[in-house]
Full PDB file with SEQRES, HELIX, SHEET, SSBOND, CRYST1, ORIGX, SCALE, CONECT and MASTER records, all heavy atoms in Angstrom:
SEQRES   1 A   41  GLY LYS GLU ARG GLU GLY VAL ALA VAL ILE ASP SER ASN          
SEQRES   2 A   41  GLY ASN THR ASN TYR ALA ALA PRO VAL ARG GLY ARG PHE          
SEQRES   3 A   41  THR ILE SER HIS ASP ASN SER GLN ASN THR LEU TYR LEU          
SEQRES   4 A   41  GLN MET                                                      
HELIX    1 AA1 ALA A   20  VAL A   22  5                                   3    
SHEET    1 AA1 2 ALA A   8  ILE A  10  0                                        
SHEET    2 AA1 2 THR A  16  TYR A  18 -1                                        
SHEET    1 AA2 2 THR A  27  ASP A  31  0                                        
SHEET    2 AA2 2 THR A  36  GLN A  40 -1                                        
CRYST1    1.000    1.000    1.000  90.00  90.00  90.00 P 1           1          
ORIGX1      1.000000  0.000000  0.000000        0.00000                         
ORIGX2      0.000000  1.000000  0.000000        0.00000                         
ORIGX3      0.000000  0.000000  1.000000        0.00000                         
SCALE1      1.000000  0.000000  0.000000        0.00000                         
SCALE2      0.000000  1.000000  0.000000        0.00000                         
SCALE3      0.000000  0.000000  1.000000        0.00000                         
ATOM      1  N   GLY A   1       6.789 -82.634-143.351  1.00  0.00           N  
ATOM      2  CA  GLY A   1       7.438 -83.412-144.398  1.00  0.00           C  
ATOM      3  C   GLY A   1       6.897 -83.151-145.713  1.00  0.00           C  
ATOM      4  O   GLY A   1       7.312 -83.691-146.690  1.00  0.00           O  
ATOM      5  N   LYS A   2       5.915 -82.188-145.871  1.00  0.00           N  
ATOM      6  CA  LYS A   2       5.338 -81.827-147.236  1.00  0.00           C  
ATOM      7  C   LYS A   2       5.686 -80.425-147.523  1.00  0.00           C  
ATOM      8  O   LYS A   2       5.822 -79.632-146.619  1.00  0.00           O  
ATOM      9  CB  LYS A   2       3.938 -82.186-147.250  1.00  0.00           C  
ATOM     10  CG  LYS A   2       3.577 -83.644-146.975  1.00  0.00           C  
ATOM     11  CD  LYS A   2       2.010 -84.042-147.094  1.00  0.00           C  
ATOM     12  CE  LYS A   2       1.668 -83.772-148.622  1.00  0.00           C  
ATOM     13  NZ  LYS A   2       0.217 -84.222-148.774  1.00  0.00           N  
ATOM     14  N   GLU A   3       5.506 -80.155-148.802  1.00  0.00           N  
ATOM     15  CA  GLU A   3       5.685 -78.695-149.251  1.00  0.00           C  
ATOM     16  C   GLU A   3       4.372 -77.998-149.020  1.00  0.00           C  
ATOM     17  O   GLU A   3       3.279 -78.492-148.950  1.00  0.00           O  
ATOM     18  CB  GLU A   3       6.079 -78.672-150.853  1.00  0.00           C  
ATOM     19  CG  GLU A   3       7.447 -79.228-151.238  1.00  0.00           C  
ATOM     20  CD  GLU A   3       7.742 -79.124-152.605  1.00  0.00           C  
ATOM     21  OE1 GLU A   3       6.872 -78.514-153.352  1.00  0.00           O  
ATOM     22  OE2 GLU A   3       8.815 -79.345-152.907  1.00  0.00           O  
ATOM     23  N   ARG A   4       4.565 -76.650-148.857  1.00  0.00           N  
ATOM     24  CA  ARG A   4       3.484 -75.759-148.738  1.00  0.00           C  
ATOM     25  C   ARG A   4       2.626 -75.708-149.973  1.00  0.00           C  
ATOM     26  O   ARG A   4       3.236 -75.675-151.115  1.00  0.00           O  
ATOM     27  CB  ARG A   4       4.044 -74.267-148.340  1.00  0.00           C  
ATOM     28  CG  ARG A   4       2.897 -73.323-148.106  1.00  0.00           C  
ATOM     29  CD  ARG A   4       3.640 -71.978-147.658  1.00  0.00           C  
ATOM     30  NE  ARG A   4       4.888 -71.676-148.412  1.00  0.00           N  
ATOM     31  CZ  ARG A   4       5.764 -70.701-148.297  1.00  0.00           C  
ATOM     32  NH1 ARG A   4       5.438 -69.857-147.137  1.00  0.00           N  
ATOM     33  NH2 ARG A   4       6.744 -70.409-149.020  1.00  0.00           N  
ATOM     34  N   GLU A   5       1.281 -75.830-149.827  1.00  0.00           N  
ATOM     35  CA  GLU A   5       0.428 -75.717-150.998  1.00  0.00           C  
ATOM     36  C   GLU A   5      -0.751 -74.623-150.846  1.00  0.00           C  
ATOM     37  O   GLU A   5      -1.174 -74.451-149.761  1.00  0.00           O  
ATOM     38  CB  GLU A   5      -0.201 -77.183-151.193  1.00  0.00           C  
ATOM     39  CG  GLU A   5      -1.099 -77.639-150.130  1.00  0.00           C  
ATOM     40  CD  GLU A   5      -1.710 -78.988-150.335  1.00  0.00           C  
ATOM     41  OE1 GLU A   5      -1.376 -79.597-151.350  1.00  0.00           O  
ATOM     42  OE2 GLU A   5      -2.414 -79.453-149.499  1.00  0.00           O  
ATOM     43  N   GLY A   6      -1.093 -74.107-151.921  1.00  0.00           N  
ATOM     44  CA  GLY A   6      -2.206 -73.172-151.938  1.00  0.00           C  
ATOM     45  C   GLY A   6      -3.613 -73.881-151.650  1.00  0.00           C  
ATOM     46  O   GLY A   6      -3.751 -75.086-152.123  1.00  0.00           O  
ATOM     47  N   VAL A   7      -4.415 -73.341-150.908  1.00  0.00           N  
ATOM     48  CA  VAL A   7      -5.740 -73.777-150.571  1.00  0.00           C  
ATOM     49  C   VAL A   7      -6.807 -73.114-151.346  1.00  0.00           C  
ATOM     50  O   VAL A   7      -7.708 -73.648-152.074  1.00  0.00           O  
ATOM     51  CB  VAL A   7      -5.919 -73.974-149.111  1.00  0.00           C  
ATOM     52  CG1 VAL A   7      -7.311 -74.328-148.872  1.00  0.00           C  
ATOM     53  CG2 VAL A   7      -4.924 -74.701-148.370  1.00  0.00           C  
ATOM     54  N   ALA A   8      -6.854 -71.751-151.073  1.00  0.00           N  
ATOM     55  CA  ALA A   8      -7.895 -70.861-151.657  1.00  0.00           C  
ATOM     56  C   ALA A   8      -7.420 -69.512-151.659  1.00  0.00           C  
ATOM     57  O   ALA A   8      -6.545 -69.029-150.744  1.00  0.00           O  
ATOM     58  CB  ALA A   8      -9.174 -71.021-150.794  1.00  0.00           C  
ATOM     59  N   VAL A   9      -7.793 -68.745-152.774  1.00  0.00           N  
ATOM     60  CA  VAL A   9      -7.275 -67.410-152.818  1.00  0.00           C  
ATOM     61  C   VAL A   9      -8.369 -66.474-153.267  1.00  0.00           C  
ATOM     62  O   VAL A   9      -9.368 -66.971-153.821  1.00  0.00           O  
ATOM     63  CB  VAL A   9      -6.065 -67.263-153.832  1.00  0.00           C  
ATOM     64  CG1 VAL A   9      -4.837 -68.069-153.281  1.00  0.00           C  
ATOM     65  CG2 VAL A   9      -6.506 -67.814-155.317  1.00  0.00           C  
ATOM     66  N   ILE A  10      -8.336 -65.142-153.158  1.00  0.00           N  
ATOM     67  CA  ILE A  10      -9.279 -64.218-153.523  1.00  0.00           C  
ATOM     68  C   ILE A  10      -8.486 -62.915-153.793  1.00  0.00           C  
ATOM     69  O   ILE A  10      -7.500 -62.540-153.258  1.00  0.00           O  
ATOM     70  CB  ILE A  10     -10.288 -63.937-152.383  1.00  0.00           C  
ATOM     71  CG1 ILE A  10     -11.433 -63.019-152.847  1.00  0.00           C  
ATOM     72  CG2 ILE A  10      -9.566 -63.421-151.178  1.00  0.00           C  
ATOM     73  CD1 ILE A  10     -12.549 -63.046-151.756  1.00  0.00           C  
ATOM     74  N   ASP A  11      -8.967 -62.194-154.783  1.00  0.00           N  
ATOM     75  CA  ASP A  11      -8.412 -60.819-155.153  1.00  0.00           C  
ATOM     76  C   ASP A  11      -9.288 -59.765-154.790  1.00  0.00           C  
ATOM     77  O   ASP A  11     -10.429 -59.869-154.357  1.00  0.00           O  
ATOM     78  CB  ASP A  11      -8.033 -60.905-156.587  1.00  0.00           C  
ATOM     79  CG  ASP A  11      -9.009 -60.817-157.643  1.00  0.00           C  
ATOM     80  OD1 ASP A  11     -10.187 -60.301-157.263  1.00  0.00           O  
ATOM     81  OD2 ASP A  11      -8.821 -61.270-158.751  1.00  0.00           O  
ATOM     82  N   SER A  12      -8.777 -58.448-154.911  1.00  0.00           N  
ATOM     83  CA  SER A  12      -9.365 -57.295-154.544  1.00  0.00           C  
ATOM     84  C   SER A  12     -10.653 -57.054-155.385  1.00  0.00           C  
ATOM     85  O   SER A  12     -11.522 -56.147-155.010  1.00  0.00           O  
ATOM     86  CB  SER A  12      -8.549 -56.096-154.497  1.00  0.00           C  
ATOM     87  OG  SER A  12      -7.781 -56.050-155.784  1.00  0.00           O  
ATOM     88  N   ASN A  13     -10.919 -57.780-156.331  1.00  0.00           N  
ATOM     89  CA  ASN A  13     -12.110 -57.667-157.231  1.00  0.00           C  
ATOM     90  C   ASN A  13     -13.198 -58.653-156.790  1.00  0.00           C  
ATOM     91  O   ASN A  13     -14.269 -58.800-157.381  1.00  0.00           O  
ATOM     92  CB  ASN A  13     -11.785 -57.892-158.857  1.00  0.00           C  
ATOM     93  CG  ASN A  13     -11.007 -56.586-159.270  1.00  0.00           C  
ATOM     94  OD1 ASN A  13     -11.331 -55.521-158.801  1.00  0.00           O  
ATOM     95  ND2 ASN A  13     -10.117 -56.923-160.213  1.00  0.00           N  
ATOM     96  N   GLY A  14     -12.713 -59.526-155.846  1.00  0.00           N  
ATOM     97  CA  GLY A  14     -13.718 -60.735-155.402  1.00  0.00           C  
ATOM     98  C   GLY A  14     -13.599 -61.914-156.156  1.00  0.00           C  
ATOM     99  O   GLY A  14     -14.364 -62.903-155.894  1.00  0.00           O  
ATOM    100  N   ASN A  15     -12.658 -62.071-157.073  1.00  0.00           N  
ATOM    101  CA  ASN A  15     -12.431 -63.310-157.835  1.00  0.00           C  
ATOM    102  C   ASN A  15     -11.780 -64.403-156.934  1.00  0.00           C  
ATOM    103  O   ASN A  15     -10.864 -64.081-156.118  1.00  0.00           O  
ATOM    104  CB  ASN A  15     -11.599 -63.156-159.035  1.00  0.00           C  
ATOM    105  CG  ASN A  15     -12.323 -62.080-160.013  1.00  0.00           C  
ATOM    106  OD1 ASN A  15     -13.441 -62.434-160.404  1.00  0.00           O  
ATOM    107  ND2 ASN A  15     -11.527 -61.133-160.310  1.00  0.00           N  
ATOM    108  N   THR A  16     -12.191 -65.636-156.946  1.00  0.00           N  
ATOM    109  CA  THR A  16     -11.734 -66.679-156.023  1.00  0.00           C  
ATOM    110  C   THR A  16     -11.248 -67.765-156.881  1.00  0.00           C  
ATOM    111  O   THR A  16     -11.611 -67.970-158.023  1.00  0.00           O  
ATOM    112  CB  THR A  16     -12.782 -67.183-155.090  1.00  0.00           C  
ATOM    113  OG1 THR A  16     -13.799 -67.771-155.805  1.00  0.00           O  
ATOM    114  CG2 THR A  16     -13.267 -65.946-154.181  1.00  0.00           C  
ATOM    115  N   ASN A  17     -10.378 -68.666-156.318  1.00  0.00           N  
ATOM    116  CA  ASN A  17      -9.787 -69.829-156.877  1.00  0.00           C  
ATOM    117  C   ASN A  17      -9.580 -70.706-155.746  1.00  0.00           C  
ATOM    118  O   ASN A  17      -9.156 -70.430-154.613  1.00  0.00           O  
ATOM    119  CB  ASN A  17      -8.620 -69.625-157.688  1.00  0.00           C  
ATOM    120  CG  ASN A  17      -8.299 -70.920-158.448  1.00  0.00           C  
ATOM    121  OD1 ASN A  17      -9.157 -71.618-158.884  1.00  0.00           O  
ATOM    122  ND2 ASN A  17      -6.954 -70.879-158.847  1.00  0.00           N  
ATOM    123  N   TYR A  18      -9.826 -72.175-155.944  1.00  0.00           N  
ATOM    124  CA  TYR A  18      -9.661 -73.165-154.994  1.00  0.00           C  
ATOM    125  C   TYR A  18      -8.874 -74.313-155.561  1.00  0.00           C  
ATOM    126  O   TYR A  18      -8.887 -74.605-156.699  1.00  0.00           O  
ATOM    127  CB  TYR A  18     -10.973 -73.712-154.511  1.00  0.00           C  
ATOM    128  CG  TYR A  18     -11.897 -72.636-153.771  1.00  0.00           C  
ATOM    129  CD1 TYR A  18     -12.743 -71.893-154.514  1.00  0.00           C  
ATOM    130  CD2 TYR A  18     -11.822 -72.591-152.439  1.00  0.00           C  
ATOM    131  CE1 TYR A  18     -13.589 -70.964-154.050  1.00  0.00           C  
ATOM    132  CE2 TYR A  18     -12.612 -71.604-151.797  1.00  0.00           C  
ATOM    133  CZ  TYR A  18     -13.538 -70.775-152.631  1.00  0.00           C  
ATOM    134  OH  TYR A  18     -14.307 -69.968-151.916  1.00  0.00           O  
ATOM    135  N   ALA A  19      -8.079 -74.809-154.607  1.00  0.00           N  
ATOM    136  CA  ALA A  19      -7.276 -76.149-154.985  1.00  0.00           C  
ATOM    137  C   ALA A  19      -8.331 -77.225-155.148  1.00  0.00           C  
ATOM    138  O   ALA A  19      -9.244 -77.230-154.399  1.00  0.00           O  
ATOM    139  CB  ALA A  19      -6.325 -76.417-153.942  1.00  0.00           C  
ATOM    140  N   ALA A  20      -8.130 -78.157-155.981  1.00  0.00           N  
ATOM    141  CA  ALA A  20      -9.070 -79.265-156.244  1.00  0.00           C  
ATOM    142  C   ALA A  20      -9.463 -80.022-154.963  1.00  0.00           C  
ATOM    143  O   ALA A  20     -10.675 -80.291-154.896  1.00  0.00           O  
ATOM    144  CB  ALA A  20      -8.565 -80.128-157.315  1.00  0.00           C  
ATOM    145  N   PRO A  21      -8.543 -80.355-154.098  1.00  0.00           N  
ATOM    146  CA  PRO A  21      -8.924 -81.131-152.842  1.00  0.00           C  
ATOM    147  C   PRO A  21      -9.919 -80.384-151.980  1.00  0.00           C  
ATOM    148  O   PRO A  21     -10.583 -81.053-151.209  1.00  0.00           O  
ATOM    149  CB  PRO A  21      -7.630 -81.404-152.238  1.00  0.00           C  
ATOM    150  CG  PRO A  21      -6.636 -81.225-153.334  1.00  0.00           C  
ATOM    151  CD  PRO A  21      -7.072 -80.131-154.140  1.00  0.00           C  
ATOM    152  N   VAL A  22     -10.101 -79.144-152.112  1.00  0.00           N  
ATOM    153  CA  VAL A  22     -11.058 -78.481-151.166  1.00  0.00           C  
ATOM    154  C   VAL A  22     -12.060 -77.808-151.896  1.00  0.00           C  
ATOM    155  O   VAL A  22     -13.133 -77.374-151.188  1.00  0.00           O  
ATOM    156  CB  VAL A  22     -10.183 -77.364-150.271  1.00  0.00           C  
ATOM    157  CG1 VAL A  22      -8.985 -77.963-149.663  1.00  0.00           C  
ATOM    158  CG2 VAL A  22      -9.820 -76.200-151.219  1.00  0.00           C  
ATOM    159  N   ARG A  23     -12.198 -77.760-153.143  1.00  0.00           N  
ATOM    160  CA  ARG A  23     -13.299 -77.162-153.924  1.00  0.00           C  
ATOM    161  C   ARG A  23     -14.650 -77.884-153.531  1.00  0.00           C  
ATOM    162  O   ARG A  23     -14.641 -79.142-153.540  1.00  0.00           O  
ATOM    163  CB  ARG A  23     -13.107 -77.230-155.356  1.00  0.00           C  
ATOM    164  CG  ARG A  23     -14.080 -76.409-156.084  1.00  0.00           C  
ATOM    165  CD  ARG A  23     -13.543 -76.262-157.558  1.00  0.00           C  
ATOM    166  NE  ARG A  23     -12.459 -75.490-157.862  1.00  0.00           N  
ATOM    167  CZ  ARG A  23     -11.286 -75.720-158.465  1.00  0.00           C  
ATOM    168  NH1 ARG A  23     -11.162 -76.913-158.920  1.00  0.00           N  
ATOM    169  NH2 ARG A  23     -10.284 -74.931-158.427  1.00  0.00           N  
ATOM    170  N   GLY A  24     -15.599 -77.045-153.136  1.00  0.00           N  
ATOM    171  CA  GLY A  24     -16.864 -77.515-152.747  1.00  0.00           C  
ATOM    172  C   GLY A  24     -16.963 -77.735-151.244  1.00  0.00           C  
ATOM    173  O   GLY A  24     -18.138 -77.808-150.820  1.00  0.00           O  
ATOM    174  N   ARG A  25     -15.835 -77.691-150.571  1.00  0.00           N  
ATOM    175  CA  ARG A  25     -15.910 -77.984-149.106  1.00  0.00           C  
ATOM    176  C   ARG A  25     -15.483 -76.586-148.397  1.00  0.00           C  
ATOM    177  O   ARG A  25     -16.033 -76.351-147.290  1.00  0.00           O  
ATOM    178  CB  ARG A  25     -15.037 -79.120-148.655  1.00  0.00           C  
ATOM    179  CG  ARG A  25     -15.378 -80.383-149.177  1.00  0.00           C  
ATOM    180  CD  ARG A  25     -14.579 -81.492-148.662  1.00  0.00           C  
ATOM    181  NE  ARG A  25     -13.106 -81.447-148.836  1.00  0.00           N  
ATOM    182  CZ  ARG A  25     -12.120 -81.278-148.037  1.00  0.00           C  
ATOM    183  NH1 ARG A  25     -12.414 -81.258-146.676  1.00  0.00           N  
ATOM    184  NH2 ARG A  25     -10.793 -81.141-148.406  1.00  0.00           N  
ATOM    185  N   PHE A  26     -14.536 -75.813-148.918  1.00  0.00           N  
ATOM    186  CA  PHE A  26     -14.042 -74.713-148.339  1.00  0.00           C  
ATOM    187  C   PHE A  26     -14.517 -73.453-149.094  1.00  0.00           C  
ATOM    188  O   PHE A  26     -14.787 -73.520-150.260  1.00  0.00           O  
ATOM    189  CB  PHE A  26     -12.552 -74.576-148.322  1.00  0.00           C  
ATOM    190  CG  PHE A  26     -11.764 -75.594-147.458  1.00  0.00           C  
ATOM    191  CD1 PHE A  26     -12.463 -76.716-146.850  1.00  0.00           C  
ATOM    192  CD2 PHE A  26     -10.529 -75.663-147.302  1.00  0.00           C  
ATOM    193  CE1 PHE A  26     -11.835 -77.595-145.979  1.00  0.00           C  
ATOM    194  CE2 PHE A  26      -9.837 -76.578-146.601  1.00  0.00           C  
ATOM    195  CZ  PHE A  26     -10.461 -77.516-145.928  1.00  0.00           C  
ATOM    196  N   THR A  27     -14.685 -72.327-148.304  1.00  0.00           N  
ATOM    197  CA  THR A  27     -15.132 -71.105-148.848  1.00  0.00           C  
ATOM    198  C   THR A  27     -14.247 -69.991-148.420  1.00  0.00           C  
ATOM    199  O   THR A  27     -14.153 -69.784-147.105  1.00  0.00           O  
ATOM    200  CB  THR A  27     -16.569 -70.682-148.599  1.00  0.00           C  
ATOM    201  OG1 THR A  27     -17.488 -71.785-149.029  1.00  0.00           O  
ATOM    202  CG2 THR A  27     -17.065 -69.432-149.270  1.00  0.00           C  
ATOM    203  N   ILE A  28     -13.683 -69.208-149.243  1.00  0.00           N  
ATOM    204  CA  ILE A  28     -12.750 -68.095-148.844  1.00  0.00           C  
ATOM    205  C   ILE A  28     -13.580 -66.815-149.099  1.00  0.00           C  
ATOM    206  O   ILE A  28     -14.511 -66.661-149.931  1.00  0.00           O  
ATOM    207  CB  ILE A  28     -11.510 -68.054-149.627  1.00  0.00           C  
ATOM    208  CG1 ILE A  28     -10.534 -66.952-149.105  1.00  0.00           C  
ATOM    209  CG2 ILE A  28     -11.666 -67.791-151.148  1.00  0.00           C  
ATOM    210  CD1 ILE A  28      -9.163 -66.995-149.752  1.00  0.00           C  
ATOM    211  N   SER A  29     -13.431 -65.793-148.205  1.00  0.00           N  
ATOM    212  CA  SER A  29     -14.192 -64.600-148.265  1.00  0.00           C  
ATOM    213  C   SER A  29     -13.290 -63.383-147.591  1.00  0.00           C  
ATOM    214  O   SER A  29     -12.327 -63.762-146.727  1.00  0.00           O  
ATOM    215  CB  SER A  29     -15.518 -64.666-147.597  1.00  0.00           C  
ATOM    216  OG  SER A  29     -15.380 -64.927-146.230  1.00  0.00           O  
ATOM    217  N   HIS A  30     -13.665 -62.185-147.888  1.00  0.00           N  
ATOM    218  CA  HIS A  30     -12.991 -61.037-147.391  1.00  0.00           C  
ATOM    219  C   HIS A  30     -13.838 -60.007-146.881  1.00  0.00           C  
ATOM    220  O   HIS A  30     -14.830 -59.669-147.654  1.00  0.00           O  
ATOM    221  CB  HIS A  30     -11.850 -60.483-148.396  1.00  0.00           C  
ATOM    222  CG  HIS A  30     -10.970 -59.471-147.808  1.00  0.00           C  
ATOM    223  ND1 HIS A  30     -11.395 -58.106-147.924  1.00  0.00           N  
ATOM    224  CD2 HIS A  30      -9.897 -59.501-147.155  1.00  0.00           C  
ATOM    225  CE1 HIS A  30     -10.454 -57.401-147.270  1.00  0.00           C  
ATOM    226  NE2 HIS A  30      -9.509 -58.204-146.917  1.00  0.00           N  
ATOM    227  N   ASP A  31     -13.764 -59.425-145.605  1.00  0.00           N  
ATOM    228  CA  ASP A  31     -14.543 -58.475-145.106  1.00  0.00           C  
ATOM    229  C   ASP A  31     -13.829 -57.154-145.206  1.00  0.00           C  
ATOM    230  O   ASP A  31     -12.869 -56.922-144.445  1.00  0.00           O  
ATOM    231  CB  ASP A  31     -15.055 -58.805-143.662  1.00  0.00           C  
ATOM    232  CG  ASP A  31     -15.911 -57.752-143.108  1.00  0.00           C  
ATOM    233  OD1 ASP A  31     -15.888 -56.569-143.547  1.00  0.00           O  
ATOM    234  OD2 ASP A  31     -16.718 -58.100-142.248  1.00  0.00           O  
ATOM    235  N   ASN A  32     -14.230 -56.370-146.174  1.00  0.00           N  
ATOM    236  CA  ASN A  32     -13.320 -55.109-146.520  1.00  0.00           C  
ATOM    237  C   ASN A  32     -13.437 -54.122-145.230  1.00  0.00           C  
ATOM    238  O   ASN A  32     -12.525 -53.494-144.897  1.00  0.00           O  
ATOM    239  CB  ASN A  32     -13.794 -54.384-147.656  1.00  0.00           C  
ATOM    240  CG  ASN A  32     -13.533 -55.132-148.893  1.00  0.00           C  
ATOM    241  OD1 ASN A  32     -12.512 -55.826-148.979  1.00  0.00           O  
ATOM    242  ND2 ASN A  32     -14.358 -55.080-149.935  1.00  0.00           N  
ATOM    243  N   SER A  33     -14.597 -54.130-144.510  1.00  0.00           N  
ATOM    244  CA  SER A  33     -14.702 -53.150-143.459  1.00  0.00           C  
ATOM    245  C   SER A  33     -13.862 -53.532-142.232  1.00  0.00           C  
ATOM    246  O   SER A  33     -13.529 -52.551-141.516  1.00  0.00           O  
ATOM    247  CB  SER A  33     -16.225 -53.155-143.109  1.00  0.00           C  
ATOM    248  OG  SER A  33     -16.681 -54.290-142.503  1.00  0.00           O  
ATOM    249  N   GLN A  34     -13.435 -54.882-142.106  1.00  0.00           N  
ATOM    250  CA  GLN A  34     -12.682 -55.227-140.966  1.00  0.00           C  
ATOM    251  C   GLN A  34     -11.308 -55.732-141.354  1.00  0.00           C  
ATOM    252  O   GLN A  34     -10.648 -56.261-140.550  1.00  0.00           O  
ATOM    253  CB  GLN A  34     -13.427 -56.351-140.179  1.00  0.00           C  
ATOM    254  CG  GLN A  34     -14.770 -55.849-139.638  1.00  0.00           C  
ATOM    255  CD  GLN A  34     -15.358 -56.856-138.640  1.00  0.00           C  
ATOM    256  OE1 GLN A  34     -14.727 -57.401-137.709  1.00  0.00           O  
ATOM    257  NE2 GLN A  34     -16.607 -57.228-138.843  1.00  0.00           N  
ATOM    258  N   ASN A  35     -10.894 -55.654-142.696  1.00  0.00           N  
ATOM    259  CA  ASN A  35      -9.654 -56.134-143.097  1.00  0.00           C  
ATOM    260  C   ASN A  35      -9.413 -57.507-142.704  1.00  0.00           C  
ATOM    261  O   ASN A  35      -8.372 -57.783-142.307  1.00  0.00           O  
ATOM    262  CB  ASN A  35      -8.605 -55.100-142.754  1.00  0.00           C  
ATOM    263  CG  ASN A  35      -8.812 -53.612-143.254  1.00  0.00           C  
ATOM    264  OD1 ASN A  35      -9.183 -53.565-144.423  1.00  0.00           O  
ATOM    265  ND2 ASN A  35      -8.491 -52.775-142.442  1.00  0.00           N  
ATOM    266  N   THR A  36     -10.388 -58.371-142.873  1.00  0.00           N  
ATOM    267  CA  THR A  36     -10.230 -59.851-142.312  1.00  0.00           C  
ATOM    268  C   THR A  36     -10.559 -60.867-143.445  1.00  0.00           C  
ATOM    269  O   THR A  36     -11.538 -60.682-144.182  1.00  0.00           O  
ATOM    270  CB  THR A  36     -11.109 -60.015-141.144  1.00  0.00           C  
ATOM    271  OG1 THR A  36     -10.968 -59.054-140.148  1.00  0.00           O  
ATOM    272  CG2 THR A  36     -10.996 -61.490-140.665  1.00  0.00           C  
ATOM    273  N   LEU A  37      -9.722 -61.704-143.479  1.00  0.00           N  
ATOM    274  CA  LEU A  37      -9.771 -62.772-144.536  1.00  0.00           C  
ATOM    275  C   LEU A  37     -10.257 -64.042-143.729  1.00  0.00           C  
ATOM    276  O   LEU A  37      -9.847 -64.273-142.551  1.00  0.00           O  
ATOM    277  CB  LEU A  37      -8.419 -63.209-145.208  1.00  0.00           C  
ATOM    278  CG  LEU A  37      -8.323 -64.281-146.189  1.00  0.00           C  
ATOM    279  CD1 LEU A  37      -9.054 -63.753-147.534  1.00  0.00           C  
ATOM    280  CD2 LEU A  37      -6.901 -64.722-146.397  1.00  0.00           C  
ATOM    281  N   TYR A  38     -11.322 -64.744-144.335  1.00  0.00           N  
ATOM    282  CA  TYR A  38     -11.729 -65.916-143.630  1.00  0.00           C  
ATOM    283  C   TYR A  38     -11.726 -67.250-144.547  1.00  0.00           C  
ATOM    284  O   TYR A  38     -11.661 -67.108-145.825  1.00  0.00           O  
ATOM    285  CB  TYR A  38     -13.381 -65.843-143.412  1.00  0.00           C  
ATOM    286  CG  TYR A  38     -13.669 -64.557-142.588  1.00  0.00           C  
ATOM    287  CD1 TYR A  38     -13.989 -63.457-142.987  1.00  0.00           C  
ATOM    288  CD2 TYR A  38     -13.636 -64.859-141.201  1.00  0.00           C  
ATOM    289  CE1 TYR A  38     -14.319 -62.278-142.173  1.00  0.00           C  
ATOM    290  CE2 TYR A  38     -13.834 -63.745-140.274  1.00  0.00           C  
ATOM    291  CZ  TYR A  38     -14.246 -62.581-140.795  1.00  0.00           C  
ATOM    292  OH  TYR A  38     -14.512 -61.494-139.877  1.00  0.00           O  
ATOM    293  N   LEU A  39     -11.633 -68.434-143.950  1.00  0.00           N  
ATOM    294  CA  LEU A  39     -11.735 -69.620-144.622  1.00  0.00           C  
ATOM    295  C   LEU A  39     -12.680 -70.482-143.867  1.00  0.00           C  
ATOM    296  O   LEU A  39     -12.409 -70.887-142.793  1.00  0.00           O  
ATOM    297  CB  LEU A  39     -10.324 -70.218-144.629  1.00  0.00           C  
ATOM    298  CG  LEU A  39     -10.288 -71.519-145.557  1.00  0.00           C  
ATOM    299  CD1 LEU A  39     -10.601 -71.215-147.062  1.00  0.00           C  
ATOM    300  CD2 LEU A  39      -9.058 -72.305-145.385  1.00  0.00           C  
ATOM    301  N   GLN A  40     -13.851 -70.624-144.493  1.00  0.00           N  
ATOM    302  CA  GLN A  40     -14.888 -71.538-143.926  1.00  0.00           C  
ATOM    303  C   GLN A  40     -14.572 -72.959-144.443  1.00  0.00           C  
ATOM    304  O   GLN A  40     -14.578 -73.118-145.639  1.00  0.00           O  
ATOM    305  CB  GLN A  40     -16.301 -71.185-144.203  1.00  0.00           C  
ATOM    306  CG  GLN A  40     -17.379 -71.986-143.836  1.00  0.00           C  
ATOM    307  CD  GLN A  40     -17.582 -72.233-142.330  1.00  0.00           C  
ATOM    308  OE1 GLN A  40     -17.534 -71.084-141.576  1.00  0.00           O  
ATOM    309  NE2 GLN A  40     -17.478 -73.321-141.772  1.00  0.00           N  
ATOM    310  N   MET A  41     -14.323 -73.914-143.471  1.00  0.00           N  
ATOM    311  CA  MET A  41     -13.970 -75.275-143.881  1.00  0.00           C  
ATOM    312  C   MET A  41     -15.134 -76.169-143.363  1.00  0.00           C  
ATOM    313  O   MET A  41     -15.314 -76.223-142.106  1.00  0.00           O  
ATOM    314  CB  MET A  41     -12.584 -75.575-143.234  1.00  0.00           C  
ATOM    315  CG  MET A  41     -11.442 -74.628-143.673  1.00  0.00           C  
ATOM    316  SD  MET A  41      -9.884 -75.207-143.090  1.00  0.00           S  
ATOM    317  CE  MET A  41     -10.181 -75.056-141.338  1.00  0.00           C  
TER     318      MET A  41                                                      
MASTER        0    0    0    1    4    0    0    6  317    1    0    4          
END                                                                             
């Protein structure tokens, strides 16, 4: 019943951004060697 919302993003330079409700609790990361995106919550 709710719209899709951004949580956390990262770019190919390693810059990150977080939505206010999750900032400080969630961490986004990317492993280039395994082409894998992670979200630690």
